[in-house]
């Protein structure tokens, strides 16, 4: 389906039920537990880190930690705690402080999707903090590019503090900012009493960008050279900001990793019978879900102050249930921040004209399928055919003709290939096509992370005869060296990591990833079936080269089917 075609949106009731929960929970938990981290109370000094660089922000002095070639400043508040009467309100500025604030330890993560059977809530509602990594020394008269990272995790998990940005900062000579933002019911709740409130988690991200604009120069960064980059849900958020009127001027470049304005999942993608997934929801749908949730929580019906007082009076534990968290993980459109669905805004040309780099991983959906195989085995061609029918109905035979099980090592890998192409590879190229159609001169670059032997992210189950390949999220250890995996990078993978850091930071610096000592990266031509314009990123000789991703992922076929 072309990006200008309007199709009915799958509707989701107030609650997501059944098999979708384990898959969403697993994705969120991977994000929430990816990097072991201990969080201090915001502003509390770390006993072993009493010395370091002091920087004056617009709200007060902060003391960071020197790591030799770079300095980190962790747990800096960019907005007031969204607690009590500020719960489910747009972020307001943080209060200034006196003296020197300790910035040696990340703040607590925002409240996360709970694990099955978990007791205590993971995270805190007091969580609107960010972390800055800056190379040393400060440049004399020259400002560095600034990269602002929005983490993934299905809008249910993750934290900016999970990402160590030293390699990006030092090798790329850039200032890197990682951000916490509200998640689940705390970030994406709606209710008739709240009116056309913005998606609070996305409003948090824009508040962080305003903080960056006000403070980047104090850390050696260029406030007019901000690149917004993120992965998965982080990339979906960036798609929203590209189409958000209230984000105008807050960033000058955008990198979307494994998420675009057209990303969606068909029915059954996360397990048999699970509903189709669209990452954004209408304000009306979110308000309806919120009214139902209020009733379940024992709050009065209606949209007046009484029901809002009741909802804001609920404890964090009462709200941070698996059911409530997963019921509110889709940002709403139909408000000042997001007036219309991002896919439609993109198709109609209502997006910010900034250079864009967007891409996917070669085997994206192997991560999701691998997570579900224990609960939903997929062993035979009959199992595979049943999945196709569940997902595509009358089009299932046509999909099977494009992806015969016999052409893949196992039926499970065939299913993962179908979903990768349908949900990530071709939707991302279609998003590129929409950008190019409305802004033909805009710098636009596409990539595909293609390492078939990338280290497996810690926490993923091992499945016999199911290699993960270049699955969803597997590029992150190549950009953030702290990301935990089952084994370290090889020498060839470290060389690829260096090259990716160079590409990302060169793009942040100039809007063009190319440099004289790197394999040439052409601009993306997403409409041409013959164009080799997607940069393949893989280790070894010839691993970095332009490829025809549109043909490799059967995108002409997918474009012919309703989305």
Protein backbone atom coordinates (compact mmCIF):
# COMPACT_ATOMS: atom_id res chain seq x y z
CA UNK A 1 0.00 0.00 0.00
CA UNK A 2 1.40 3.40 -0.87
CA UNK A 3 1.91 5.85 2.00
CA UNK A 4 -0.78 8.13 0.60
CA UNK A 5 -3.47 5.44 0.79
CA UNK A 6 -5.83 5.71 3.73
CA UNK A 7 -6.96 2.45 5.28
CA UNK A 8 -9.14 1.72 8.30
CA UNK A 9 -7.11 1.58 11.49
CA UNK A 10 -7.21 -1.53 13.63
CA UNK A 11 -9.02 -0.66 16.82
CA UNK A 12 -8.00 -1.98 20.17
CA UNK A 13 -10.33 -2.21 23.11
CA UNK A 14 -9.61 -0.76 26.54
CA UNK A 15 -7.43 -3.73 27.49
CA UNK A 16 -4.92 -5.84 25.60
CA UNK A 17 -5.57 -9.44 26.53
CA UNK A 18 -4.18 -12.89 25.99
CA UNK A 19 -0.92 -13.72 24.33
CA UNK A 20 0.08 -10.14 23.57
CA UNK A 21 0.96 -9.62 27.23
CA UNK A 22 3.90 -12.04 27.44
CA UNK A 23 5.47 -10.65 24.28
CA UNK A 24 5.12 -7.00 25.29
CA UNK A 25 6.27 -7.81 28.79
CA UNK A 26 9.36 -9.59 27.48
CA UNK A 27 10.29 -6.68 25.21
CA UNK A 28 9.84 -4.20 28.02
CA UNK A 29 11.80 -6.34 30.46
CA UNK A 30 14.68 -6.68 28.01
CA UNK A 31 14.83 -2.89 27.94
CA UNK A 32 14.40 -2.54 31.68
CA UNK A 33 17.04 -5.08 32.65
CA UNK A 34 19.47 -4.76 29.76
CA UNK A 35 22.15 -3.00 31.77
CA UNK A 36 22.57 -3.66 35.47
CA UNK A 37 22.43 -0.26 37.10
CA UNK A 38 21.95 1.03 40.59
CA UNK A 39 20.18 4.32 40.92
CA UNK A 40 20.68 6.74 43.76
CA UNK A 41 18.08 9.19 44.93
CA UNK A 42 18.19 12.17 42.58
CA UNK A 43 20.95 14.54 43.62
CA UNK A 44 22.34 12.21 46.30
CA UNK A 45 26.15 12.04 46.23
CA UNK A 46 27.83 8.79 45.30
CA UNK A 47 30.24 7.96 48.16
CA UNK A 48 33.10 6.95 45.84
CA UNK A 49 32.75 9.89 43.44
CA UNK A 50 33.20 13.19 45.20
CA UNK A 51 35.42 14.92 42.65
CA UNK A 52 34.93 15.87 39.04
CA UNK A 53 34.09 18.62 36.62
CA UNK A 54 31.55 21.25 37.62
CA UNK A 55 29.31 22.87 35.00
CA UNK A 56 26.77 25.64 35.52
CA UNK A 57 23.40 24.78 33.93
CA UNK A 58 20.52 27.21 33.64
CA UNK A 59 19.14 25.78 36.90
CA UNK A 60 22.32 25.44 38.94
CA UNK A 61 25.75 23.84 39.22
CA UNK A 62 26.28 20.11 38.60
CA UNK A 63 29.31 17.99 39.38
CA UNK A 64 30.07 15.09 37.06
CA UNK A 65 32.62 12.28 36.92
CA UNK A 66 35.83 12.38 34.91
CA UNK A 67 36.63 9.23 32.92
CA UNK A 68 39.87 10.48 31.41
CA UNK A 69 38.90 11.34 27.86
CA UNK A 70 35.31 12.25 28.70
CA UNK A 71 33.09 13.39 31.56
CA UNK A 72 29.62 12.18 32.49
CA UNK A 73 26.90 14.18 34.22
CA UNK A 74 24.10 11.86 35.30
CA UNK A 75 20.69 12.45 36.81
CA UNK A 76 20.20 16.09 35.84
CA UNK A 77 16.54 17.14 36.17
CA UNK A 78 15.03 18.61 33.02
CA UNK A 79 11.49 18.92 34.45
CA UNK A 80 9.78 18.85 37.82
CA UNK A 81 8.77 15.45 39.22
CA UNK A 82 5.40 14.56 37.59
CA UNK A 83 3.88 13.42 40.86
CA UNK A 84 0.83 14.35 42.91
CA UNK A 85 -1.08 17.14 41.16
CA UNK A 86 1.47 17.05 38.29
CA UNK A 87 0.66 13.44 37.39
CA UNK A 88 -0.80 13.39 33.85
CA UNK A 89 0.13 16.97 33.14
CA UNK A 90 2.56 18.31 30.60
CA UNK A 91 6.04 18.65 32.11
CA UNK A 92 6.84 21.88 33.95
CA UNK A 93 10.34 23.29 34.54
CA UNK A 94 12.41 21.86 37.37
CA UNK A 95 13.08 24.06 40.37
CA UNK A 96 16.55 25.68 40.51
CA UNK A 97 18.89 24.55 43.25
CA UNK A 98 21.58 26.14 45.39
CA UNK A 99 25.10 24.82 45.74
CA UNK A 100 26.55 22.05 43.59
CA UNK A 101 24.23 19.20 42.66
CA UNK A 102 25.80 15.76 42.53
CA UNK A 103 25.52 14.32 39.00
CA UNK A 104 27.58 11.17 39.41
CA UNK A 105 24.83 8.54 39.32
CA UNK A 106 21.82 8.08 37.02
CA UNK A 107 18.46 8.82 38.58
CA UNK A 108 15.85 6.13 38.97
CA UNK A 109 14.24 4.87 35.79
CA UNK A 110 10.62 5.74 35.10
CA UNK A 111 8.09 3.19 36.36
CA UNK A 112 8.38 0.10 34.15
CA UNK A 113 6.18 -2.72 32.95
CA UNK A 114 6.32 -5.24 35.84
CA UNK A 115 7.63 -8.75 35.39
CA UNK A 116 5.15 -11.61 35.81
CA UNK A 117 4.93 -12.37 39.52
CA UNK A 118 7.03 -9.34 40.48
CA UNK A 119 6.40 -7.75 43.84
CA UNK A 120 7.78 -4.25 44.15
CA UNK A 121 7.35 -1.67 41.41
CA UNK A 122 10.48 -1.11 39.34
CA UNK A 123 11.29 2.57 38.95
CA UNK A 124 9.81 5.82 40.20
CA UNK A 125 7.36 8.45 39.02
CA UNK A 126 10.05 11.00 39.94
CA UNK A 127 12.11 10.19 36.89
CA UNK A 128 12.41 13.14 34.49
CA UNK A 129 16.18 13.26 34.38
CA UNK A 130 18.81 13.09 31.68
CA UNK A 131 22.48 12.22 31.38
CA UNK A 132 25.21 14.10 29.49
CA UNK A 133 28.46 12.62 28.17
CA UNK A 134 30.96 15.19 26.91
CA UNK A 135 34.51 14.73 25.57
CA UNK A 136 37.40 16.53 27.22
CA UNK A 137 38.66 19.15 26.89
CA UNK A 138 35.99 21.61 25.82
CA UNK A 139 36.64 22.83 22.28
CA UNK A 140 38.09 26.32 21.95
CA UNK A 141 35.72 28.37 19.84
CA UNK A 142 34.18 25.33 18.14
CA UNK A 143 30.99 23.66 19.28
CA UNK A 144 30.46 19.93 19.03
CA UNK A 145 27.37 18.28 17.56
CA UNK A 146 24.83 17.08 20.10
CA UNK A 147 23.13 13.68 19.85
CA UNK A 148 20.02 13.14 22.00
CA UNK A 149 19.11 9.46 22.51
CA UNK A 150 15.56 8.22 23.08
CA UNK A 151 15.58 4.64 24.32
CA UNK A 152 13.30 1.85 23.15
CA UNK A 153 11.20 -0.60 25.14
CA UNK A 154 7.66 -0.59 23.69
CA UNK A 155 6.88 2.65 25.62
CA UNK A 156 6.83 0.32 28.63
CA UNK A 157 10.45 -0.09 29.72
CA UNK A 158 13.97 1.22 29.44
CA UNK A 159 15.99 4.13 30.74
CA UNK A 160 18.48 6.66 29.45
CA UNK A 161 20.90 5.54 32.15
CA UNK A 162 21.23 2.14 30.48
CA UNK A 163 23.32 3.55 27.63
CA UNK A 164 27.00 4.35 28.13
CA UNK A 165 27.87 6.90 25.45
CA UNK A 166 31.63 7.20 25.92
CA UNK A 167 32.52 5.68 22.54
CA UNK A 168 30.10 7.92 20.66
CA UNK A 169 31.34 10.98 22.53
CA UNK A 170 35.07 10.39 22.26
CA UNK A 171 35.43 8.77 18.85
CA UNK A 172 32.71 10.96 17.37
CA UNK A 173 33.80 14.13 19.19
CA UNK A 174 30.19 14.79 20.13
CA UNK A 175 28.10 15.60 23.19
CA UNK A 176 25.60 12.79 23.86
CA UNK A 177 22.45 13.15 25.97
CA UNK A 178 20.31 10.19 27.07
CA UNK A 179 16.80 10.80 28.39
CA UNK A 180 14.25 9.24 30.72
CA UNK A 181 10.60 9.78 29.82
CA UNK A 182 7.30 8.58 31.29
CA UNK A 183 6.13 5.11 30.28
CA UNK A 184 2.96 3.05 30.19
CA UNK A 185 -0.04 4.46 32.03
CA UNK A 186 2.06 7.28 33.46
CA UNK A 187 3.13 8.46 30.01
CA UNK A 188 0.23 7.67 27.67
CA UNK A 189 -2.94 7.74 29.74
CA UNK A 190 -5.96 9.67 28.49
CA UNK A 191 -9.35 10.48 29.93
CA UNK A 192 -12.28 12.74 29.00
CA UNK A 193 -11.41 14.88 32.02
CA UNK A 194 -7.95 15.53 30.65
CA UNK A 195 -9.35 16.77 27.34
CA UNK A 196 -6.91 16.90 24.46
CA UNK A 197 -3.87 16.47 26.67
CA UNK A 198 -0.67 15.55 24.83
CA UNK A 199 0.98 12.15 25.12
CA UNK A 200 2.92 12.92 28.26
CA UNK A 201 5.93 10.74 27.44
CA UNK A 202 6.42 12.56 24.14
CA UNK A 203 5.91 15.92 25.88
CA UNK A 204 8.70 14.86 28.26
CA UNK A 205 10.98 14.24 25.30
CA UNK A 206 10.29 17.70 23.93
CA UNK A 207 10.94 19.22 27.35
CA UNK A 208 14.31 17.44 27.36
CA UNK A 209 15.06 18.90 23.93
CA UNK A 210 14.25 22.38 25.23
CA UNK A 211 16.68 21.73 28.10
CA UNK A 212 19.32 20.70 25.56
CA UNK A 213 18.75 23.89 23.57
CA UNK A 214 19.24 25.96 26.73
CA UNK A 215 22.25 24.06 28.08
CA UNK A 216 24.17 22.31 25.28
CA UNK A 217 26.70 25.10 24.91
CA UNK A 218 27.62 24.84 28.59
CA UNK A 219 28.88 21.30 27.89
CA UNK A 220 30.69 22.24 24.69
CA UNK A 221 27.78 21.38 22.38
CA UNK A 222 26.07 23.29 19.60
CA UNK A 223 22.43 24.06 20.52
CA UNK A 224 21.72 24.56 16.80
CA UNK A 225 23.28 21.22 15.87
CA UNK A 226 21.05 18.72 17.69
CA UNK A 227 20.46 15.25 16.25
CA UNK A 228 17.58 13.25 17.71
CA UNK A 229 18.23 9.50 17.50
CA UNK A 230 16.50 6.47 18.92
CA UNK A 231 15.65 2.81 18.45
CA UNK A 232 12.33 0.94 18.34
CA UNK A 233 9.86 2.92 20.50
CA UNK A 234 12.50 5.65 20.61
CA UNK A 235 12.40 5.83 16.81
CA UNK A 236 8.59 5.88 16.86
CA UNK A 237 8.79 8.86 19.17
CA UNK A 238 11.15 10.60 16.75
CA UNK A 239 8.67 9.95 13.95
CA UNK A 240 6.09 11.74 16.10
CA UNK A 241 8.43 14.70 16.66
CA UNK A 242 9.11 14.94 12.93
CA UNK A 243 5.39 15.57 12.46
CA UNK A 244 4.76 17.55 15.69
CA UNK A 245 4.24 21.33 15.38
CA UNK A 246 5.47 21.80 18.95
CA UNK A 247 8.85 20.22 18.09
CA UNK A 248 9.70 22.89 15.49
CA UNK A 249 13.30 24.06 15.91
CA UNK A 250 14.13 21.59 18.70
CA UNK A 251 16.34 19.35 16.52
CA UNK A 252 18.15 19.71 13.21
CA UNK A 253 18.62 16.05 12.18
CA UNK A 254 16.93 12.74 12.92
CA UNK A 255 18.06 9.10 13.01
CA UNK A 256 15.35 6.44 13.26
CA UNK A 257 16.59 2.92 14.07
CA UNK A 258 14.11 0.06 13.65
CA UNK A 259 11.00 2.18 13.74
CA UNK A 260 9.28 4.57 11.33
CA UNK A 261 6.03 6.46 10.84
CA UNK A 262 4.65 3.43 8.98
CA UNK A 263 5.73 0.64 11.33
CA UNK A 264 2.89 -1.73 12.21
CA UNK A 265 2.34 -5.41 12.97
CA UNK A 266 -0.32 -7.65 11.42
CA UNK A 267 -2.64 -9.78 13.49
CA UNK A 268 -0.80 -12.66 15.13
CA UNK A 269 2.68 -11.16 14.83
CA UNK A 270 3.34 -11.45 18.57
CA UNK A 271 1.55 -14.78 18.94
CA UNK A 272 -1.54 -16.56 17.56
CA UNK A 273 -4.66 -14.48 17.98
CA UNK A 274 -2.92 -11.28 19.10
CA UNK A 275 -4.44 -8.16 17.55
CA UNK A 276 -2.90 -6.06 14.82
CA UNK A 277 -0.70 -3.31 16.23
CA UNK A 278 -0.47 0.33 15.23
CA UNK A 279 1.92 2.35 17.41
CA UNK A 280 -0.30 5.45 17.65
CA UNK A 281 -3.93 5.71 18.82
CA UNK A 282 -6.64 8.31 18.41
CA UNK A 283 -7.35 10.62 21.33
CA UNK A 284 -10.91 9.27 21.46
CA UNK A 285 -9.72 5.65 21.79
CA UNK A 286 -7.29 6.54 24.56
CA UNK A 287 -9.95 8.54 26.41
CA UNK A 288 -12.37 5.62 26.17
CA UNK A 289 -9.74 3.27 27.59
CA UNK A 290 -9.01 5.79 30.35
CA UNK A 291 -12.66 6.03 31.36
CA UNK A 292 -12.83 2.24 31.58
CA UNK A 293 -9.66 2.16 33.66
CA UNK A 294 -11.05 4.81 36.01
CA UNK A 295 -14.11 2.63 36.59
CA UNK A 296 -11.94 -0.38 37.37
CA UNK A 297 -10.01 1.71 39.87
CA UNK A 298 -13.22 2.69 41.65
CA UNK A 299 -13.23 6.32 40.52
CA UNK A 300 -16.52 8.08 39.69
CA UNK A 301 -17.81 8.27 36.16
CA UNK A 302 -17.69 11.46 34.15
CA UNK A 303 -14.97 13.91 33.30
CA UNK A 304 -14.94 16.39 36.17
CA UNK A 305 -12.38 17.34 38.80
CA UNK A 306 -13.60 14.61 41.16
CA UNK A 307 -12.58 11.75 38.90
CA UNK A 308 -9.19 13.35 38.16
CA UNK A 309 -8.57 13.84 41.87
CA UNK A 310 -9.43 10.19 42.43
CA UNK A 311 -7.07 9.05 39.66
CA UNK A 312 -4.23 11.27 40.84
CA UNK A 313 -4.76 9.97 44.34
CA UNK A 314 -4.11 6.36 43.31
CA UNK A 315 -0.81 4.91 44.51
CA UNK A 316 1.97 4.15 42.06
CA UNK A 317 1.62 0.44 42.88
CA UNK A 318 -2.11 0.48 42.10
CA UNK A 319 -1.47 1.94 38.65
CA UNK A 320 1.71 0.07 37.72
CA UNK A 321 0.04 -3.26 37.02
CA UNK A 322 0.78 -5.25 33.89
CA UNK A 323 -2.79 -4.78 32.70
CA UNK A 324 -2.86 -1.01 33.11
CA UNK A 325 0.68 -0.41 31.88
CA UNK A 326 0.19 -2.34 28.65
CA UNK A 327 -3.22 -0.76 28.07
CA UNK A 328 -1.59 2.66 27.68
CA UNK A 329 1.56 2.35 25.60
CA UNK A 330 0.42 4.06 22.39
CA UNK A 331 0.87 7.84 22.06
CA UNK A 332 -2.38 9.59 21.18
CA UNK A 333 -2.90 11.86 18.19
CA UNK A 334 -5.57 14.54 17.98
CA UNK A 335 -3.93 17.08 20.28
CA UNK A 336 -1.62 20.10 19.99
CA UNK A 337 1.57 18.01 20.15
CA UNK A 338 0.36 15.42 17.63
CA UNK A 339 -2.58 16.81 15.64
CA UNK A 340 -2.90 13.80 13.33
CA UNK A 341 -1.56 10.29 12.94
CA UNK A 342 2.13 10.52 12.00
CA UNK A 343 1.78 8.26 8.95
CA UNK A 344 -0.88 10.54 7.50
CA UNK A 345 1.08 13.68 8.38
CA UNK A 346 4.12 12.24 6.62
CA UNK A 347 2.11 11.29 3.53
CA UNK A 348 0.63 14.77 3.29
CA UNK A 349 3.98 16.52 3.71
CA UNK A 350 3.39 17.91 7.19
CA UNK A 351 6.79 17.13 8.67
CA UNK A 352 9.91 19.10 9.58
CA UNK A 353 12.45 19.47 6.80
CA UNK A 354 15.55 18.09 8.51
CA UNK A 355 18.05 15.52 7.18
CA UNK A 356 16.89 12.00 8.03
CA UNK A 357 18.71 8.69 8.39
CA UNK A 358 16.52 5.66 8.87
CA UNK A 359 17.10 1.94 8.80
CA UNK A 360 16.35 -1.54 10.03
CA UNK A 361 18.12 -4.77 10.92
CA UNK A 362 18.17 -7.64 8.43
CA UNK A 363 16.36 -10.07 10.75
CA UNK A 364 14.28 -7.72 12.93
CA UNK A 365 11.43 -10.03 13.84
CA UNK A 366 13.61 -12.95 14.87
CA UNK A 367 13.83 -11.27 18.27
CA UNK A 368 10.02 -11.21 18.68
CA UNK A 369 9.53 -14.71 17.24
CA UNK A 370 12.37 -16.07 19.36
CA UNK A 371 10.75 -14.68 22.48
CA UNK A 372 7.47 -16.41 21.66
CA UNK A 373 8.61 -19.88 20.53
CA UNK A 374 8.44 -21.45 23.98
CA UNK A 375 4.81 -20.39 24.36
CA UNK A 376 3.87 -20.82 20.69
CA UNK A 377 6.04 -23.45 18.98
CA UNK A 378 6.27 -23.23 15.21
CA UNK A 379 7.71 -26.55 14.00
CA UNK A 380 5.93 -27.62 10.83
CA UNK A 381 4.75 -26.23 7.51
CA UNK A 382 1.22 -26.67 8.83
CA UNK A 383 2.05 -24.44 11.82
CA UNK A 384 3.55 -21.88 9.43
CA UNK A 385 0.51 -21.94 7.14
CA UNK A 386 -1.81 -21.42 10.12
CA UNK A 387 0.17 -18.32 11.13
CA UNK A 388 -0.09 -16.93 7.61
CA UNK A 389 -3.85 -17.44 7.56
CA UNK A 390 -4.21 -15.81 10.98
CA UNK A 391 -2.18 -12.79 9.88
CA UNK A 392 -3.19 -12.29 6.26
CA UNK A 393 -6.50 -14.07 5.73
CA UNK A 394 -7.32 -14.36 2.01
CA UNK A 395 -3.86 -13.08 1.08
CA UNK A 396 -2.13 -15.94 2.91
CA UNK A 397 -1.58 -18.10 -0.23
CA UNK A 398 0.06 -15.16 -2.01
CA UNK A 399 2.34 -14.55 0.97
CA UNK A 400 3.25 -18.24 1.10
CA UNK A 401 4.09 -18.17 -2.61
CA UNK A 402 6.57 -15.35 -1.92
CA UNK A 403 7.98 -17.09 1.18
CA UNK A 404 7.76 -20.89 0.76
CA UNK A 405 8.77 -22.67 3.95
CA UNK A 406 11.06 -24.90 1.87
CA UNK A 407 13.18 -21.85 0.97
CA UNK A 408 14.08 -21.28 4.63
CA UNK A 409 15.97 -23.48 7.08
CA UNK A 410 12.91 -23.83 9.35
CA UNK A 411 9.25 -22.74 9.31
CA UNK A 412 9.97 -20.43 12.26
CA UNK A 413 12.67 -18.62 10.27
CA UNK A 414 10.30 -18.32 7.31
CA UNK A 415 7.70 -16.72 9.58
CA UNK A 416 10.29 -14.30 10.98
CA UNK A 417 11.30 -13.32 7.43
CA UNK A 418 7.67 -12.60 6.51
CA UNK A 419 7.18 -10.40 9.54
CA UNK A 420 10.53 -8.62 9.15
CA UNK A 421 9.73 -7.61 5.59
CA UNK A 422 6.07 -6.75 6.24
CA UNK A 423 6.51 -4.86 9.51
CA UNK A 424 9.96 -3.27 9.36
CA UNK A 425 11.97 -3.38 6.12
CA UNK A 426 9.26 -2.37 3.66
CA UNK A 427 7.40 0.03 5.93
CA UNK A 428 10.68 1.86 6.57
CA UNK A 429 11.38 2.15 2.84
CA UNK A 430 7.79 3.33 2.34
CA UNK A 431 8.35 6.02 4.98
CA UNK A 432 11.46 7.06 3.08
CA UNK A 433 9.42 7.16 -0.10
CA UNK A 434 6.87 9.48 1.55
CA UNK A 435 9.63 11.82 2.73
CA UNK A 436 11.28 11.86 -0.69
CA UNK A 437 7.98 12.49 -2.46
CA UNK A 438 7.18 15.58 -0.38
CA UNK A 439 10.73 16.88 0.09
CA UNK A 440 12.73 15.61 -2.89
CA UNK A 441 15.88 17.59 -2.09
CA UNK A 442 16.04 16.63 1.58
CA UNK A 443 19.16 14.65 2.61
CA UNK A 444 17.83 11.13 3.18
CA UNK A 445 19.93 8.05 3.98
CA UNK A 446 18.92 4.43 4.58
CA UNK A 447 20.80 1.54 6.18
CA UNK A 448 20.40 -2.13 6.98
CA UNK A 449 22.40 -3.63 9.84
CA UNK A 450 23.27 -7.04 8.40
CA UNK A 451 25.72 -8.86 10.68
CA UNK A 452 24.49 -12.50 10.57
CA UNK A 453 26.55 -13.38 13.64
CA UNK A 454 25.90 -10.33 15.82
CA UNK A 455 26.24 -11.02 19.56
CA UNK A 456 22.91 -11.95 21.13
CA UNK A 457 21.46 -9.50 23.62
CA UNK A 458 21.52 -10.77 27.18
CA UNK A 459 18.14 -12.11 28.29
CA UNK A 460 16.97 -13.64 25.03
CA UNK A 461 16.18 -17.37 25.16
CA UNK A 462 18.27 -19.84 23.18
CA UNK A 463 16.15 -21.72 20.64
CA UNK A 464 17.51 -24.77 18.76
CA UNK A 465 17.77 -24.19 15.00
CA UNK A 466 16.76 -20.56 15.41
CA UNK A 467 19.75 -18.20 15.09
CA UNK A 468 18.89 -14.60 15.88
CA UNK A 469 21.11 -13.15 13.14
CA UNK A 470 20.75 -9.36 12.93
CA UNK A 471 17.61 -9.18 15.05
CA UNK A 472 15.78 -6.22 16.56
CA UNK A 473 18.09 -4.17 18.78
CA UNK A 474 21.23 -6.07 17.82
CA UNK A 475 22.91 -2.97 16.38
CA UNK A 476 22.90 -1.21 19.75
CA UNK A 477 26.08 -2.85 21.17
CA UNK A 478 27.87 -1.45 18.09
CA UNK A 479 26.95 2.10 19.17
CA UNK A 480 26.83 1.74 22.97
CA UNK A 481 29.69 -0.41 24.18
CA UNK A 482 28.07 -1.12 27.58
CA UNK A 483 25.14 -3.01 26.13
CA UNK A 484 25.35 -6.58 27.50
CA UNK A 485 25.58 -9.49 25.08
CA UNK A 486 26.37 -13.20 25.18
CA UNK A 487 29.91 -12.53 23.93
CA UNK A 488 32.17 -9.58 23.12
CA UNK A 489 32.57 -8.13 19.66
CA UNK A 490 35.22 -9.72 17.44
CA UNK A 491 37.95 -7.61 15.88
CA UNK A 492 35.94 -7.35 12.66
CA UNK A 493 32.82 -6.37 14.60
CA UNK A 494 34.77 -3.75 16.55
CA UNK A 495 35.91 -2.29 13.23
CA UNK A 496 32.26 -2.18 12.12
CA UNK A 497 31.34 -0.54 15.42
CA UNK A 498 33.95 2.18 14.84
CA UNK A 499 32.67 2.77 11.33
CA UNK A 500 29.05 2.99 12.52
CA UNK A 501 30.00 5.50 15.21
CA UNK A 502 31.78 7.53 12.53
CA UNK A 503 28.75 7.43 10.22
CA UNK A 504 26.30 8.39 12.97
CA UNK A 505 28.39 11.27 14.32
CA UNK A 506 29.37 12.56 10.87
CA UNK A 507 25.68 12.69 10.05
CA UNK A 508 25.09 14.56 13.31
CA UNK A 509 27.83 17.01 12.39
CA UNK A 510 26.90 17.75 8.78
CA UNK A 511 23.66 15.99 7.82
CA UNK A 512 25.74 13.63 5.65
CA UNK A 513 27.27 10.38 7.04
CA UNK A 514 30.09 10.32 4.49
CA UNK A 515 33.75 10.99 5.20
CA UNK A 516 36.78 10.67 2.94
CA UNK A 517 38.11 7.52 4.66
CA UNK A 518 34.79 5.60 4.74
CA UNK A 519 32.95 3.48 2.17
CA UNK A 520 30.64 5.80 0.28
CA UNK A 521 27.04 5.93 1.50
CA UNK A 522 24.64 7.07 -1.27
CA UNK A 523 21.45 8.97 -0.68
CA UNK A 524 18.37 6.80 -0.39
CA UNK A 525 16.24 6.27 -3.50
CA UNK A 526 13.38 4.28 -1.95
CA UNK A 527 11.14 4.15 -5.03
CA UNK A 528 13.53 2.65 -7.58
CA UNK A 529 13.44 -1.16 -7.71
CA UNK A 530 16.93 -1.18 -9.23
CA UNK A 531 18.62 1.31 -6.91
CA UNK A 532 21.30 0.01 -4.59
CA UNK A 533 20.96 2.87 -2.18
CA UNK A 534 20.51 1.25 1.26
CA UNK A 535 23.85 0.97 3.03
CA UNK A 536 24.45 -2.57 4.29
CA UNK A 537 26.39 -2.57 7.56
CA UNK A 538 28.18 -5.87 8.20
CA UNK A 539 31.69 -6.82 9.35
CA UNK A 540 34.49 -7.97 7.10
CA UNK A 541 35.64 -7.17 3.60
CA UNK A 542 32.79 -5.88 1.47
CA UNK A 543 30.37 -5.86 4.40
CA UNK A 544 29.71 -2.15 4.04
CA UNK A 545 28.19 -1.51 0.63
CA UNK A 546 24.99 -0.25 -0.99
CA UNK A 547 22.35 -2.94 -1.56
CA UNK A 548 18.91 -3.20 -3.16
CA UNK A 549 16.89 -3.76 0.01
CA UNK A 550 13.58 -3.19 -1.76
CA UNK A 551 14.03 -6.26 -3.93
CA UNK A 552 15.67 -8.37 -1.21
CA UNK A 553 12.70 -7.85 1.11
CA UNK A 554 9.92 -8.31 -1.51
CA UNK A 555 8.71 -4.74 -1.02
CA UNK A 556 6.89 -4.51 -4.36
CA UNK A 557 4.77 -7.42 -3.18
CA UNK A 558 4.06 -5.89 0.23
CA UNK A 559 3.26 -2.51 -1.31
CA UNK A 560 0.52 -4.25 -3.33
CA UNK A 561 -1.26 -5.53 -0.19
CA UNK A 562 -3.40 -3.47 2.20
CA UNK A 563 -1.38 -2.47 5.26
